[in-house]
Amino acid sequence: MADLERFPGELPKGWPYAIELRNKHWLQPDYFGCLSRHRVTHVFNSWEAMPAVSEQLAVPGSRTNPSLLAARFLLKRAANTRKR
């Protein structure tokens, strides 16, 4: 968390920033609080190892930046797809 807390302060000013997680265990109040303090947007995503976007939206504090909402709806490639 200490590294995440420092990171936004080292970025160039004037740009909107967002963080996309691929680990559901980070979806905790400390993570959302850190992003909120720095006005960094949590990216809601449908990655296979993450809870559904609707579940992420229901987590208190998950909307970390009131001026920006971001989502990525990633699709898992079908198991029977072959390379040609």
N, C-alpha and C. Protein backbone atom coordinates (compact mmCIF):
# COMPACT_ATOMS: atom_id res chain seq x y z
N MET A 1 0.82 -1.19 0.00
CA MET A 1 0.00 0.00 0.00
C MET A 1 0.87 1.26 0.00
N ALA A 2 2.01 1.22 0.66
CA ALA A 2 2.88 2.40 0.70
C ALA A 2 3.33 2.79 -0.71
N ASP A 3 3.69 1.80 -1.53
CA ASP A 3 4.10 2.08 -2.91
C ASP A 3 2.94 2.66 -3.72
N LEU A 4 1.77 2.08 -3.53
CA LEU A 4 0.60 2.57 -4.25
C LEU A 4 0.26 4.00 -3.80
N GLU A 5 0.44 4.29 -2.55
CA GLU A 5 0.16 5.63 -2.03
C GLU A 5 1.11 6.68 -2.64
N ARG A 6 2.36 6.31 -2.88
CA ARG A 6 3.34 7.24 -3.46
C ARG A 6 3.19 7.41 -4.97
N PHE A 7 2.82 6.35 -5.64
CA PHE A 7 2.82 6.32 -7.10
C PHE A 7 2.07 7.48 -7.76
N PRO A 8 0.83 7.78 -7.40
CA PRO A 8 0.12 8.87 -8.10
C PRO A 8 0.81 10.23 -7.96
N GLY A 9 1.48 10.46 -6.86
CA GLY A 9 2.17 11.73 -6.66
C GLY A 9 3.37 11.90 -7.58
N GLU A 10 3.86 10.82 -8.16
CA GLU A 10 5.01 10.87 -9.05
C GLU A 10 4.62 10.99 -10.53
N LEU A 11 3.33 10.95 -10.81
CA LEU A 11 2.86 11.03 -12.19
C LEU A 11 2.72 12.49 -12.63
N PRO A 12 2.85 12.75 -13.94
CA PRO A 12 2.65 14.12 -14.43
C PRO A 12 1.25 14.63 -14.08
N LYS A 13 1.17 15.88 -13.73
CA LYS A 13 -0.11 16.50 -13.36
C LYS A 13 -0.93 16.82 -14.60
N GLY A 14 -2.24 16.93 -14.40
CA GLY A 14 -3.13 17.36 -15.47
C GLY A 14 -3.77 16.25 -16.28
N TRP A 15 -3.46 15.00 -15.98
CA TRP A 15 -4.03 13.87 -16.70
C TRP A 15 -4.94 13.08 -15.76
N PRO A 16 -6.01 12.49 -16.28
CA PRO A 16 -6.79 11.57 -15.46
C PRO A 16 -6.09 10.21 -15.46
N TYR A 17 -6.05 9.57 -14.32
CA TYR A 17 -5.40 8.26 -14.21
C TYR A 17 -6.37 7.23 -13.68
N ALA A 18 -6.12 5.99 -14.06
CA ALA A 18 -6.95 4.87 -13.60
C ALA A 18 -6.05 3.66 -13.38
N ILE A 19 -6.50 2.79 -12.49
CA ILE A 19 -5.78 1.55 -12.21
C ILE A 19 -6.74 0.39 -12.42
N GLU A 20 -6.27 -0.59 -13.18
CA GLU A 20 -7.06 -1.80 -13.42
C GLU A 20 -6.38 -2.97 -12.71
N LEU A 21 -7.10 -3.58 -11.80
CA LEU A 21 -6.59 -4.74 -11.07
C LEU A 21 -6.98 -6.03 -11.76
N ARG A 22 -6.19 -7.05 -11.54
CA ARG A 22 -6.55 -8.40 -11.98
C ARG A 22 -6.47 -9.36 -10.78
N ASN A 23 -6.60 -8.80 -9.58
CA ASN A 23 -6.51 -9.59 -8.36
C ASN A 23 -7.62 -9.12 -7.41
N LYS A 24 -8.63 -9.96 -7.21
CA LYS A 24 -9.79 -9.58 -6.40
C LYS A 24 -9.45 -9.31 -4.94
N HIS A 25 -8.33 -9.81 -4.47
CA HIS A 25 -7.95 -9.62 -3.07
C HIS A 25 -7.57 -8.18 -2.75
N TRP A 26 -7.31 -7.37 -3.77
CA TRP A 26 -6.99 -5.95 -3.55
C TRP A 26 -8.24 -5.10 -3.39
N LEU A 27 -9.39 -5.64 -3.67
CA LEU A 27 -10.64 -4.87 -3.60
C LEU A 27 -11.03 -4.65 -2.14
N GLN A 28 -10.25 -3.85 -1.47
CA GLN A 28 -10.39 -3.60 -0.03
C GLN A 28 -10.50 -2.09 0.22
N PRO A 29 -11.01 -1.72 1.40
CA PRO A 29 -11.14 -0.28 1.71
C PRO A 29 -9.83 0.50 1.59
N ASP A 30 -8.68 -0.08 1.96
CA ASP A 30 -7.41 0.64 1.85
C ASP A 30 -7.08 0.99 0.40
N TYR A 31 -7.31 0.07 -0.51
CA TYR A 31 -7.06 0.30 -1.94
C TYR A 31 -7.97 1.41 -2.46
N PHE A 32 -9.28 1.28 -2.21
CA PHE A 32 -10.22 2.29 -2.69
C PHE A 32 -9.97 3.64 -2.04
N GLY A 33 -9.61 3.66 -0.77
CA GLY A 33 -9.30 4.91 -0.08
C GLY A 33 -8.10 5.61 -0.68
N CYS A 34 -7.07 4.85 -1.00
CA CYS A 34 -5.86 5.41 -1.61
C CYS A 34 -6.20 6.05 -2.96
N LEU A 35 -6.92 5.32 -3.80
CA LEU A 35 -7.29 5.86 -5.11
C LEU A 35 -8.15 7.11 -4.96
N SER A 36 -9.07 7.07 -4.04
CA SER A 36 -9.95 8.21 -3.82
C SER A 36 -9.17 9.45 -3.38
N ARG A 37 -8.22 9.28 -2.47
CA ARG A 37 -7.41 10.42 -2.01
C ARG A 37 -6.65 11.08 -3.16
N HIS A 38 -6.26 10.28 -4.14
CA HIS A 38 -5.47 10.80 -5.27
C HIS A 38 -6.32 11.06 -6.52
N ARG A 39 -7.64 10.87 -6.40
CA ARG A 39 -8.57 11.03 -7.53
C ARG A 39 -8.16 10.15 -8.71
N VAL A 40 -7.74 8.94 -8.40
CA VAL A 40 -7.42 7.93 -9.42
C VAL A 40 -8.63 7.00 -9.52
N THR A 41 -9.01 6.69 -10.73
CA THR A 41 -10.20 5.88 -10.98
C THR A 41 -9.88 4.39 -10.91
N HIS A 42 -10.73 3.64 -10.21
CA HIS A 42 -10.66 2.18 -10.26
C HIS A 42 -11.35 1.75 -11.55
N VAL A 43 -10.69 0.90 -12.33
CA VAL A 43 -11.29 0.39 -13.57
C VAL A 43 -12.05 -0.89 -13.24
N PHE A 44 -13.34 -0.84 -13.42
CA PHE A 44 -14.19 -2.02 -13.23
C PHE A 44 -13.96 -2.92 -14.45
N ASN A 45 -13.64 -4.19 -14.20
CA ASN A 45 -13.34 -5.07 -15.34
C ASN A 45 -13.94 -6.45 -15.14
N SER A 46 -14.11 -7.14 -16.24
CA SER A 46 -14.74 -8.46 -16.21
C SER A 46 -13.73 -9.59 -16.40
N TRP A 47 -12.52 -9.38 -16.00
CA TRP A 47 -11.48 -10.40 -16.10
C TRP A 47 -11.91 -11.65 -15.34
N GLU A 48 -11.52 -12.83 -15.81
CA GLU A 48 -12.00 -14.09 -15.26
C GLU A 48 -11.69 -14.27 -13.77
N ALA A 49 -10.63 -13.67 -13.25
CA ALA A 49 -10.28 -13.84 -11.85
C ALA A 49 -10.87 -12.76 -10.95
N MET A 50 -11.69 -11.88 -11.54
CA MET A 50 -12.29 -10.78 -10.79
C MET A 50 -13.78 -11.04 -10.58
N PRO A 51 -14.35 -10.44 -9.52
CA PRO A 51 -15.80 -10.53 -9.36
C PRO A 51 -16.49 -9.82 -10.53
N ALA A 52 -17.75 -10.13 -10.73
CA ALA A 52 -18.52 -9.47 -11.79
C ALA A 52 -18.48 -7.95 -11.58
N VAL A 53 -18.59 -7.21 -12.67
CA VAL A 53 -18.58 -5.76 -12.59
C VAL A 53 -19.67 -5.28 -11.64
N SER A 54 -20.84 -5.89 -11.68
CA SER A 54 -21.92 -5.49 -10.78
C SER A 54 -21.52 -5.66 -9.31
N GLU A 55 -20.76 -6.70 -9.01
CA GLU A 55 -20.27 -6.91 -7.63
C GLU A 55 -19.23 -5.87 -7.26
N GLN A 56 -18.35 -5.52 -8.19
CA GLN A 56 -17.34 -4.49 -7.92
C GLN A 56 -18.02 -3.14 -7.67
N LEU A 57 -19.04 -2.83 -8.46
CA LEU A 57 -19.77 -1.57 -8.29
C LEU A 57 -20.47 -1.50 -6.93
N ALA A 58 -20.83 -2.65 -6.38
CA ALA A 58 -21.55 -2.69 -5.10
C ALA A 58 -20.63 -2.53 -3.90
N VAL A 59 -19.32 -2.62 -4.10
CA VAL A 59 -18.38 -2.48 -2.99
C VAL A 59 -18.36 -1.02 -2.55
N PRO A 60 -18.59 -0.74 -1.25
CA PRO A 60 -18.55 0.64 -0.78
C PRO A 60 -17.21 1.31 -1.10
N GLY A 61 -17.28 2.51 -1.66
CA GLY A 61 -16.08 3.28 -1.97
C GLY A 61 -15.43 2.93 -3.28
N SER A 62 -16.01 2.02 -4.07
CA SER A 62 -15.37 1.57 -5.31
C SER A 62 -15.37 2.64 -6.40
N ARG A 63 -16.25 3.60 -6.32
CA ARG A 63 -16.25 4.71 -7.29
C ARG A 63 -15.34 5.80 -6.73
N THR A 64 -14.07 5.68 -7.08
CA THR A 64 -13.02 6.45 -6.41
C THR A 64 -12.80 7.85 -6.96
N ASN A 65 -13.32 8.13 -8.14
CA ASN A 65 -13.13 9.46 -8.74
C ASN A 65 -14.49 9.92 -9.25
N PRO A 66 -15.07 10.95 -8.63
CA PRO A 66 -16.42 11.37 -9.03
C PRO A 66 -16.51 11.92 -10.46
N SER A 67 -15.39 12.27 -11.07
CA SER A 67 -15.45 12.84 -12.42
C SER A 67 -15.09 11.84 -13.52
N LEU A 68 -14.77 10.60 -13.17
CA LEU A 68 -14.41 9.62 -14.19
C LEU A 68 -14.80 8.21 -13.75
N LEU A 69 -15.49 7.50 -14.61
CA LEU A 69 -15.83 6.10 -14.38
C LEU A 69 -15.30 5.32 -15.57
N ALA A 70 -14.62 4.20 -15.31
CA ALA A 70 -14.02 3.41 -16.39
C ALA A 70 -14.34 1.93 -16.20
N ALA A 71 -14.57 1.25 -17.32
CA ALA A 71 -14.84 -0.18 -17.27
C ALA A 71 -14.26 -0.83 -18.52
N ARG A 72 -13.82 -2.09 -18.34
CA ARG A 72 -13.36 -2.90 -19.48
C ARG A 72 -14.05 -4.24 -19.39
N PHE A 73 -14.72 -4.61 -20.46
CA PHE A 73 -15.42 -5.88 -20.49
C PHE A 73 -14.60 -6.83 -21.37
N LEU A 74 -13.72 -7.56 -20.71
CA LEU A 74 -12.78 -8.46 -21.39
C LEU A 74 -13.45 -9.81 -21.60
N LEU A 75 -13.21 -10.38 -22.73
CA LEU A 75 -13.79 -11.68 -23.03
C LEU A 75 -12.72 -12.74 -23.02
N LYS A 76 -13.01 -13.83 -22.38
CA LYS A 76 -12.08 -14.96 -22.36
C LYS A 76 -12.21 -15.70 -23.68
N ARG A 77 -11.08 -16.00 -24.26
CA ARG A 77 -11.07 -16.72 -25.53
C ARG A 77 -11.62 -18.13 -25.34
N ALA A 78 -12.42 -18.60 -26.26
CA ALA A 78 -13.02 -19.93 -26.17
C ALA A 78 -11.94 -21.01 -26.18
N ALA A 79 -12.14 -22.05 -25.38
CA ALA A 79 -11.17 -23.13 -25.24
C ALA A 79 -10.99 -23.91 -26.54
N ASN A 80 -12.01 -23.95 -27.37
CA ASN A 80 -11.93 -24.75 -28.60
C ASN A 80 -11.45 -23.95 -29.80
N THR A 81 -11.03 -22.73 -29.60
CA THR A 81 -10.52 -21.91 -30.71
C THR A 81 -9.10 -22.35 -31.04
N ARG A 82 -8.85 -22.60 -32.31
CA ARG A 82 -7.51 -23.02 -32.76
C ARG A 82 -6.82 -21.90 -33.51
N LYS A 83 -5.51 -21.87 -33.39
CA LYS A 83 -4.74 -20.93 -34.21
C LYS A 83 -4.64 -21.47 -35.61
N ARG A 84 -4.68 -20.60 -36.56
CA ARG A 84 -4.59 -21.05 -37.97
C ARG A 84 -3.33 -20.59 -38.59
